[in-house]
């Protein structure tokens, strides 16, 4: 390694959107990359999410509305935000820290940061496409948010006002009952009002991430699956990434992008910020009339996306261990919330039931950058926005590691904060 900022070889831990984007942008700068993952490409949160690239909705997760549910509601498995009774001290510490950031002033501070990244996040996807990644993004036109009443709709409109106050831009139209139903026939009788968002996109998450993996391989990288990293040895001349079964890979530097399990590997290098699994659920159905674009039900916190011949229905935020099994009560909670809002769907004919762990931080901001070791870097903690912000994260990581310069917005993502 000639200089601190210019590694020749890098190991990336994690083959999700963030890890593979980091690998791709490092390759753009001439770095030899190896990617390792405990499972496989797009194996966790990158697989079953809604696939939205929606700057208008990419907002800080700790928000005042979370506290409005109240503790009793959050202990119910039917709540959009669910916290099981626990004696897990790490989870309790995380929840206390998260709650402290669910204030209007903290949300506004974090929103000003998201405003900066949202301006350039979609452009990073375009760079992937221009650089040969075969799977492209799709324009969502229309991107609809649907509500049971105009009063419910006002909550999202008010949120957009706060986004604009933080310097963001949201292009939207208000829709009455007839207008939104004419745009999307699959909407049910429970929908009385809506919003049409412009300038948003979406992807098929596993298809896109696998296409990105193919591009990384075609450029000469090795992607090693079934490589469960147990430790990272940091030496003056580089790092050694060791698996649980004794395999190792040496490099000049390493990037830890292991999702909700980030703390285990990053903590020895001074990363104290807790990363907690905020688990999301999804499944797919086949409506009588398949929508061509995403549909969002903000009050119910249910996100729907067309993926070829199926309709993915996703939602929920469940703070618990990433290794806990899928809870069927959470799937049923999504069904109960979505049923009045959609029609022409056989909810018993579900496929692809899934739970995945989003890596959440207490302040809602990701961890991107160097640790106390200049050879060990972190890219994670994006919460629900690892898909939307993954390519931009990879671009920022590659610049900071190879050029020794750092985009100004990265100061907010310091892993040592």
Protein backbone atom coordinates (compact mmCIF):
# COMPACT_ATOMS: atom_id res chain seq x y z
CA UNK A 1 0.00 0.00 0.00
CA UNK A 2 1.77 3.08 -1.24
CA UNK A 3 -0.10 5.65 0.86
CA UNK A 4 -2.70 5.54 3.57
CA UNK A 5 -5.41 6.70 1.19
CA UNK A 6 -4.58 4.42 -1.73
CA UNK A 7 -4.93 0.71 -1.01
CA UNK A 8 -4.14 -1.69 -3.83
CA UNK A 9 -6.25 -4.53 -2.41
CA UNK A 10 -9.42 -4.29 -0.33
CA UNK A 11 -11.67 -6.91 1.25
CA UNK A 12 -15.32 -5.87 1.50
CA UNK A 13 -17.34 -7.71 4.16
CA UNK A 14 -20.93 -7.97 2.96
CA UNK A 15 -22.46 -8.69 -0.45
CA UNK A 16 -25.54 -6.52 -0.16
CA UNK A 17 -26.22 -3.26 -1.99
CA UNK A 18 -23.83 -1.22 0.16
CA UNK A 19 -20.94 -3.68 0.05
CA UNK A 20 -21.19 -4.39 -3.66
CA UNK A 21 -21.55 -0.69 -4.50
CA UNK A 22 -18.41 -0.01 -2.49
CA UNK A 23 -16.62 -2.78 -4.37
CA UNK A 24 -17.76 -1.42 -7.75
CA UNK A 25 -16.66 2.16 -7.07
CA UNK A 26 -13.34 0.97 -5.65
CA UNK A 27 -12.81 -0.93 -8.90
CA UNK A 28 -13.55 2.31 -10.76
CA UNK A 29 -10.47 3.68 -9.03
CA UNK A 30 -8.27 0.72 -9.89
CA UNK A 31 -8.48 -1.19 -6.62
CA UNK A 32 -8.38 -5.01 -6.55
CA UNK A 33 -11.41 -6.14 -4.53
CA UNK A 34 -12.53 -9.33 -2.81
CA UNK A 35 -16.07 -9.49 -1.38
CA UNK A 36 -16.97 -11.98 1.37
CA UNK A 37 -20.39 -12.74 2.83
CA UNK A 38 -21.64 -15.15 5.50
CA UNK A 39 -24.54 -16.21 3.26
CA UNK A 40 -24.59 -14.93 -0.31
CA UNK A 41 -25.37 -12.03 -2.62
CA UNK A 42 -28.42 -10.00 -1.52
CA UNK A 43 -29.06 -12.50 1.26
CA UNK A 44 -30.52 -10.25 3.97
CA UNK A 45 -32.04 -6.76 3.90
CA UNK A 46 -31.08 -6.30 0.25
CA UNK A 47 -33.45 -9.09 -0.84
CA UNK A 48 -37.01 -8.57 0.36
CA UNK A 49 -37.38 -4.81 0.69
CA UNK A 50 -39.66 -2.60 -1.40
CA UNK A 51 -36.88 -1.42 -3.71
CA UNK A 52 -37.84 2.24 -3.62
CA UNK A 53 -35.43 4.94 -4.76
CA UNK A 54 -37.60 7.73 -3.46
CA UNK A 55 -35.77 10.84 -2.23
CA UNK A 56 -39.08 12.37 -1.13
CA UNK A 57 -39.55 9.52 1.34
CA UNK A 58 -35.92 8.90 2.35
CA UNK A 59 -36.22 10.45 5.79
CA UNK A 60 -34.69 9.97 9.26
CA UNK A 61 -36.16 6.92 11.01
CA UNK A 62 -36.21 8.42 14.52
CA UNK A 63 -39.26 10.66 14.16
CA UNK A 64 -41.79 12.16 16.57
CA UNK A 65 -44.54 9.92 15.16
CA UNK A 66 -42.79 6.86 16.61
CA UNK A 67 -43.29 8.15 20.15
CA UNK A 68 -46.95 8.83 19.42
CA UNK A 69 -47.60 5.10 19.24
CA UNK A 70 -46.84 4.80 22.93
CA UNK A 71 -45.15 1.92 24.73
CA UNK A 72 -48.30 -0.19 25.01
CA UNK A 73 -48.94 -0.01 21.27
CA UNK A 74 -45.34 -0.90 20.40
CA UNK A 75 -45.59 -4.07 22.51
CA UNK A 76 -48.42 -5.30 20.26
CA UNK A 77 -47.38 -7.55 17.34
CA UNK A 78 -49.96 -5.77 15.17
CA UNK A 79 -48.27 -2.37 15.61
CA UNK A 80 -46.31 -0.98 12.64
CA UNK A 81 -43.46 -0.46 15.12
CA UNK A 82 -43.01 -3.51 17.33
CA UNK A 83 -40.71 -4.06 20.30
CA UNK A 84 -41.08 -7.42 22.07
CA UNK A 85 -40.60 -7.53 25.83
CA UNK A 86 -36.92 -8.10 26.35
CA UNK A 87 -34.09 -8.24 28.85
CA UNK A 88 -31.52 -7.63 26.09
CA UNK A 89 -29.48 -4.75 27.52
CA UNK A 90 -28.05 -3.78 24.14
CA UNK A 91 -31.55 -3.49 22.68
CA UNK A 92 -32.74 -1.48 25.68
CA UNK A 93 -29.78 0.90 25.31
CA UNK A 94 -30.55 1.26 21.62
CA UNK A 95 -34.24 2.01 22.24
CA UNK A 96 -33.42 4.67 24.83
CA UNK A 97 -30.99 6.33 22.42
CA UNK A 98 -33.44 6.04 19.54
CA UNK A 99 -36.23 7.62 21.60
CA UNK A 100 -33.99 10.57 22.48
CA UNK A 101 -33.71 11.34 18.77
CA UNK A 102 -37.48 11.15 18.13
CA UNK A 103 -37.96 14.87 18.72
CA UNK A 104 -38.87 17.54 16.16
CA UNK A 105 -35.53 19.33 16.53
CA UNK A 106 -33.44 16.16 16.20
CA UNK A 107 -35.50 15.04 13.20
CA UNK A 108 -35.00 18.41 11.51
CA UNK A 109 -31.23 18.23 12.10
CA UNK A 110 -31.05 14.77 10.56
CA UNK A 111 -33.35 15.81 7.71
CA UNK A 112 -30.94 18.55 6.70
CA UNK A 113 -28.31 15.81 6.26
CA UNK A 114 -30.67 13.62 4.24
CA UNK A 115 -31.43 16.62 2.05
CA UNK A 116 -27.76 16.71 1.06
CA UNK A 117 -27.51 13.02 0.17
CA UNK A 118 -30.92 12.85 -1.51
CA UNK A 119 -29.78 15.40 -4.10
CA UNK A 120 -27.13 13.04 -5.47
CA UNK A 121 -28.32 9.53 -4.52
CA UNK A 122 -30.05 8.79 -7.83
CA UNK A 123 -27.06 10.05 -9.80
CA UNK A 124 -24.93 7.27 -8.30
CA UNK A 125 -27.35 4.71 -9.78
CA UNK A 126 -26.92 6.37 -13.17
CA UNK A 127 -23.15 5.98 -12.83
CA UNK A 128 -23.61 2.24 -12.27
CA UNK A 129 -25.76 2.02 -15.40
CA UNK A 130 -23.29 4.05 -17.45
CA UNK A 131 -20.50 1.80 -16.17
CA UNK A 132 -22.07 -1.42 -17.38
CA UNK A 133 -24.43 -2.68 -14.66
CA UNK A 134 -27.12 -4.28 -16.81
CA UNK A 135 -30.12 -3.94 -14.49
CA UNK A 136 -31.37 -0.35 -14.48
CA UNK A 137 -33.67 1.69 -12.30
CA UNK A 138 -37.28 2.31 -13.32
CA UNK A 139 -39.15 5.60 -13.21
CA UNK A 140 -42.18 5.45 -10.92
CA UNK A 141 -44.85 7.41 -12.77
CA UNK A 142 -47.10 7.70 -10.94
CA UNK A 143 -45.73 6.98 -7.49
CA UNK A 144 -48.87 7.00 -5.34
CA UNK A 145 -49.45 7.46 -1.62
CA UNK A 146 -52.98 6.45 -0.61
CA UNK A 147 -55.02 7.35 2.46
CA UNK A 148 -58.28 6.50 4.16
CA UNK A 149 -59.09 10.21 4.58
CA UNK A 150 -57.88 13.69 3.74
CA UNK A 151 -57.05 14.09 7.42
CA UNK A 152 -54.65 11.14 7.24
CA UNK A 153 -53.12 12.64 4.12
CA UNK A 154 -52.35 15.87 5.92
CA UNK A 155 -49.77 14.04 8.06
CA UNK A 156 -47.60 13.28 5.01
CA UNK A 157 -48.18 16.74 3.54
CA UNK A 158 -46.98 18.24 6.81
CA UNK A 159 -43.91 16.00 6.66
CA UNK A 160 -43.18 17.28 3.16
CA UNK A 161 -43.36 20.83 4.50
CA UNK A 162 -40.66 19.94 7.03
CA UNK A 163 -38.57 18.39 4.25
CA UNK A 164 -38.83 21.62 2.29
CA UNK A 165 -37.95 23.63 5.40
CA UNK A 166 -34.74 21.59 5.61
CA UNK A 167 -33.86 22.53 2.04
CA UNK A 168 -35.33 19.51 0.29
CA UNK A 169 -37.63 19.45 -2.72
CA UNK A 170 -40.80 17.39 -3.06
CA UNK A 171 -42.83 17.54 -6.27
CA UNK A 172 -46.34 16.27 -5.58
CA UNK A 173 -50.02 16.71 -6.39
CA UNK A 174 -53.02 16.11 -4.15
CA UNK A 175 -55.56 13.63 -5.51
CA UNK A 176 -59.21 13.20 -4.61
CA UNK A 177 -61.03 9.86 -4.48
CA UNK A 178 -61.85 9.67 -8.17
CA UNK A 179 -58.44 10.83 -9.36
CA UNK A 180 -56.39 8.30 -7.41
CA UNK A 181 -58.72 5.41 -8.26
CA UNK A 182 -58.50 6.29 -11.95
CA UNK A 183 -54.71 6.14 -11.74
CA UNK A 184 -54.65 2.80 -9.89
CA UNK A 185 -57.62 0.40 -10.26
CA UNK A 186 -56.23 -2.02 -7.65
CA UNK A 187 -56.88 0.46 -4.84
CA UNK A 188 -59.69 -0.65 -2.55
CA UNK A 189 -62.74 1.02 -1.08
CA UNK A 190 -60.74 2.10 1.95
CA UNK A 191 -58.81 4.64 -0.14
CA UNK A 192 -60.45 8.08 -0.14
CA UNK A 193 -57.57 10.44 -0.95
CA UNK A 194 -54.06 10.38 -2.31
CA UNK A 195 -50.81 12.04 -3.32
CA UNK A 196 -48.98 11.69 -6.62
CA UNK A 197 -45.22 11.99 -6.25
CA UNK A 198 -42.95 12.85 -9.16
CA UNK A 199 -39.27 12.17 -9.72
CA UNK A 200 -39.11 8.88 -7.81
CA UNK A 201 -37.76 5.52 -9.04
CA UNK A 202 -37.72 1.86 -8.04
CA UNK A 203 -35.88 -1.40 -8.68
CA UNK A 204 -36.32 -5.14 -8.26
CA UNK A 205 -33.92 -5.45 -5.30
CA UNK A 206 -32.54 -9.00 -5.68
CA UNK A 207 -32.37 -8.68 -9.46
CA UNK A 208 -30.52 -5.37 -9.26
CA UNK A 209 -28.09 -6.48 -6.56
CA UNK A 210 -27.32 -9.71 -8.42
CA UNK A 211 -26.71 -7.67 -11.58
CA UNK A 212 -24.34 -5.46 -9.60
CA UNK A 213 -22.57 -8.58 -8.32
CA UNK A 214 -22.18 -9.82 -11.90
CA UNK A 215 -20.61 -6.50 -12.88
CA UNK A 216 -18.19 -6.66 -9.96
CA UNK A 217 -17.18 -10.20 -10.92
CA UNK A 218 -16.76 -9.27 -14.58
CA UNK A 219 -14.23 -6.65 -13.50
CA UNK A 220 -12.13 -9.35 -11.85
CA UNK A 221 -13.35 -9.45 -8.26
CA UNK A 222 -13.93 -12.65 -6.33
CA UNK A 223 -17.16 -12.91 -4.32
CA UNK A 224 -16.80 -15.59 -1.65
CA UNK A 225 -20.07 -16.81 -0.13
CA UNK A 226 -20.34 -18.82 3.08
CA UNK A 227 -17.45 -16.78 4.52
CA UNK A 228 -18.60 -15.87 8.04
CA UNK A 229 -16.07 -13.32 9.27
CA UNK A 230 -15.01 -14.01 12.85
CA UNK A 231 -12.29 -11.39 13.24
CA UNK A 232 -10.21 -8.74 11.53
CA UNK A 233 -6.51 -8.61 12.35
CA UNK A 234 -5.06 -5.14 11.87
CA UNK A 235 -1.34 -4.85 11.24
CA UNK A 236 0.91 -2.00 10.17
CA UNK A 237 1.25 -3.50 6.69
CA UNK A 238 -2.42 -4.40 6.14
CA UNK A 239 -5.28 -6.50 7.44
CA UNK A 240 -6.23 -10.16 7.59
CA UNK A 241 -9.91 -11.06 7.48
CA UNK A 242 -10.51 -14.44 9.14
CA UNK A 243 -13.58 -16.64 8.85
CA UNK A 244 -15.13 -18.81 11.55
CA UNK A 245 -13.74 -21.94 9.89
CA UNK A 246 -10.18 -20.63 9.73
CA UNK A 247 -9.98 -19.27 6.18
CA UNK A 248 -8.37 -15.87 5.76
CA UNK A 249 -7.93 -13.15 3.17
CA UNK A 250 -5.17 -10.55 3.35
CA UNK A 251 -5.49 -7.02 1.99
CA UNK A 252 -4.29 -3.47 2.45
CA UNK A 253 -7.65 -2.41 3.89
CA UNK A 254 -11.10 -3.74 4.74
CA UNK A 255 -14.60 -2.27 4.53
CA UNK A 256 -17.14 -3.63 7.02
CA UNK A 257 -20.60 -3.52 5.46
CA UNK A 258 -22.14 -6.44 7.30
CA UNK A 259 -25.54 -4.90 7.97
CA UNK A 260 -27.18 -5.46 11.34
CA UNK A 261 -24.17 -7.49 12.53
CA UNK A 262 -21.75 -4.60 12.02
CA UNK A 263 -20.99 -3.97 15.71
CA UNK A 264 -19.30 -7.33 16.24
CA UNK A 265 -16.54 -6.56 13.74
CA UNK A 266 -16.39 -2.77 14.09
CA UNK A 267 -16.40 -2.38 17.88
CA UNK A 268 -12.72 -3.37 18.33
CA UNK A 269 -11.82 -0.42 16.10
CA UNK A 270 -13.53 2.26 18.16
CA UNK A 271 -17.05 2.14 16.70
CA UNK A 272 -19.33 2.60 19.71
CA UNK A 273 -22.52 3.59 17.91
CA UNK A 274 -25.06 0.81 18.33
CA UNK A 275 -26.41 -0.82 15.18
CA UNK A 276 -29.67 -2.65 15.86
CA UNK A 277 -31.70 -4.90 13.61
CA UNK A 278 -34.92 -3.15 12.63
CA UNK A 279 -36.59 -6.07 10.93
CA UNK A 280 -38.92 -5.64 7.99
CA UNK A 281 -41.34 -8.19 6.55
CA UNK A 282 -42.60 -8.79 3.04
CA UNK A 283 -44.40 -11.27 0.83
CA UNK A 284 -45.70 -11.28 -2.72
CA UNK A 285 -49.19 -11.73 -4.18
CA UNK A 286 -50.75 -11.69 -7.64
CA UNK A 287 -53.53 -9.06 -7.96
CA UNK A 288 -56.24 -9.36 -10.59
CA UNK A 289 -54.81 -6.14 -12.01
CA UNK A 290 -51.06 -5.82 -11.42
CA UNK A 291 -50.03 -2.21 -10.71
CA UNK A 292 -47.18 -0.89 -12.83
CA UNK A 293 -45.79 1.41 -10.16
CA UNK A 294 -45.25 1.52 -6.39
CA UNK A 295 -48.08 2.28 -3.98
CA UNK A 296 -47.52 3.52 -0.43
CA UNK A 297 -49.93 3.49 2.50
CA UNK A 298 -48.21 5.84 5.00
CA UNK A 299 -50.72 5.51 7.84
CA UNK A 300 -50.45 1.72 7.72
CA UNK A 301 -46.71 1.88 6.92
CA UNK A 302 -47.17 -0.60 4.11
CA UNK A 303 -45.10 -0.34 0.91
CA UNK A 304 -46.05 -2.14 -2.32
CA UNK A 305 -43.95 -2.64 -5.44
CA UNK A 306 -44.59 -4.48 -8.74
CA UNK A 307 -41.85 -7.01 -9.44
CA UNK A 308 -42.46 -8.56 -12.87
CA UNK A 309 -45.61 -10.73 -12.47
CA UNK A 310 -45.89 -10.36 -8.68
CA UNK A 311 -46.75 -7.57 -6.26
CA UNK A 312 -44.46 -7.26 -3.25
CA UNK A 313 -46.15 -6.07 -0.06
CA UNK A 314 -43.73 -4.93 2.64
CA UNK A 315 -43.83 -3.20 5.97
CA UNK A 316 -43.25 -3.14 9.71
CA UNK A 317 -40.35 -2.18 11.92
CA UNK A 318 -39.52 -4.85 14.48
CA UNK A 319 -36.64 -4.23 16.87
CA UNK A 320 -35.27 -7.62 17.88
CA UNK A 321 -32.42 -10.04 17.19
CA UNK A 322 -31.53 -10.51 13.51
CA UNK A 323 -31.44 -14.26 14.17
CA UNK A 324 -35.01 -14.51 15.50
CA UNK A 325 -37.35 -16.55 13.28
CA UNK A 326 -40.03 -14.99 11.11
CA UNK A 327 -43.06 -14.08 13.23
CA UNK A 328 -46.27 -14.96 11.32
CA UNK A 329 -48.20 -12.44 13.41
CA UNK A 330 -46.26 -9.68 11.69
CA UNK A 331 -47.20 -10.98 8.25
CA UNK A 332 -50.83 -11.06 9.35
CA UNK A 333 -50.53 -7.49 10.64
CA UNK A 334 -49.45 -6.34 7.17
CA UNK A 335 -52.38 -8.20 5.59
CA UNK A 336 -54.87 -6.69 8.04
CA UNK A 337 -53.52 -3.20 7.36
CA UNK A 338 -53.48 -3.56 3.56
CA UNK A 339 -56.76 -5.43 2.99
CA UNK A 340 -59.11 -2.41 3.06
CA UNK A 341 -56.75 -0.43 0.84
CA UNK A 342 -56.38 -2.94 -2.01
CA UNK A 343 -58.78 -5.11 -3.97
CA UNK A 344 -58.59 -8.07 -6.30
CA UNK A 345 -56.03 -9.91 -4.18
CA UNK A 346 -56.22 -13.41 -2.72
CA UNK A 347 -54.32 -12.84 0.51
CA UNK A 348 -54.09 -16.57 1.20
CA UNK A 349 -52.09 -17.11 -2.01
CA UNK A 350 -48.91 -15.56 -0.67
CA UNK A 351 -45.42 -16.37 -1.82
CA UNK A 352 -41.89 -15.33 -0.82
CA UNK A 353 -42.66 -14.61 2.84
CA UNK A 354 -39.54 -12.93 4.17
CA UNK A 355 -38.02 -11.14 7.12
CA UNK A 356 -34.80 -9.16 6.89
CA UNK A 357 -32.75 -7.05 9.25
CA UNK A 358 -32.24 -3.38 8.48
CA UNK A 359 -29.21 -1.96 10.30
CA UNK A 360 -30.52 0.98 12.35
CA UNK A 361 -28.62 3.58 14.37
CA UNK A 362 -29.97 5.62 17.26
CA UNK A 363 -29.65 8.94 15.42
CA UNK A 364 -30.90 7.65 12.07
CA UNK A 365 -27.64 8.43 10.26
CA UNK A 366 -25.39 5.77 8.70
CA UNK A 367 -21.80 5.02 9.64
CA UNK A 368 -19.49 5.70 6.70
CA UNK A 369 -15.74 6.18 6.88
CA UNK A 370 -12.54 5.17 8.63
CA UNK A 371 -12.35 3.80 12.16
CA UNK A 372 -9.50 4.45 14.57
CA UNK A 373 -7.44 2.28 12.23
CA UNK A 374 -6.76 3.85 8.81
CA UNK A 375 -6.97 0.34 7.34
CA UNK A 376 -10.42 -0.53 8.71
CA UNK A 377 -13.45 1.25 7.29
CA UNK A 378 -17.18 1.02 7.92
CA UNK A 379 -20.16 1.41 5.58
CA UNK A 380 -23.45 0.57 7.24
CA UNK A 381 -26.24 1.57 9.58
CA UNK A 382 -28.49 2.91 6.82
CA UNK A 383 -31.72 1.69 8.40
CA UNK A 384 -34.36 1.41 5.68
CA UNK A 385 -32.24 3.26 3.12
CA UNK A 386 -29.41 0.87 2.30
CA UNK A 387 -30.88 0.25 -1.15
CA UNK A 388 -31.55 3.92 -1.93
CA UNK A 389 -28.23 5.20 -0.56
CA UNK A 390 -26.02 2.17 -1.25
CA UNK A 391 -24.45 3.36 -4.52
CA UNK A 392 -23.80 6.86 -3.17
CA UNK A 393 -22.25 5.32 -0.06
CA UNK A 394 -19.97 3.19 -2.22
CA UNK A 395 -18.93 6.22 -4.23
CA UNK A 396 -18.12 8.23 -1.10
CA UNK A 397 -16.21 5.34 0.44
CA UNK A 398 -14.10 4.82 -2.67
CA UNK A 399 -13.23 8.51 -2.86
CA UNK A 400 -12.28 8.76 0.80
CA UNK A 401 -10.17 5.57 0.70
CA UNK A 402 -8.27 6.26 -2.51
CA UNK A 403 -8.09 10.03 -2.95
CA UNK A 404 -7.75 10.98 0.69
CA UNK A 405 -10.58 13.49 0.23
CA UNK A 406 -13.99 13.26 1.81
CA UNK A 407 -17.31 14.64 0.55
CA UNK A 408 -18.43 17.26 3.05
CA UNK A 409 -21.63 15.39 3.90
CA UNK A 410 -19.55 12.44 5.18
CA UNK A 411 -18.66 14.42 8.28
CA UNK A 412 -22.14 13.57 9.58
CA UNK A 413 -21.52 9.84 9.16
CA UNK A 414 -18.29 9.52 11.17
CA UNK A 415 -18.27 5.95 12.57
CA UNK A 416 -16.46 7.22 15.68
CA UNK A 417 -19.12 9.78 16.64
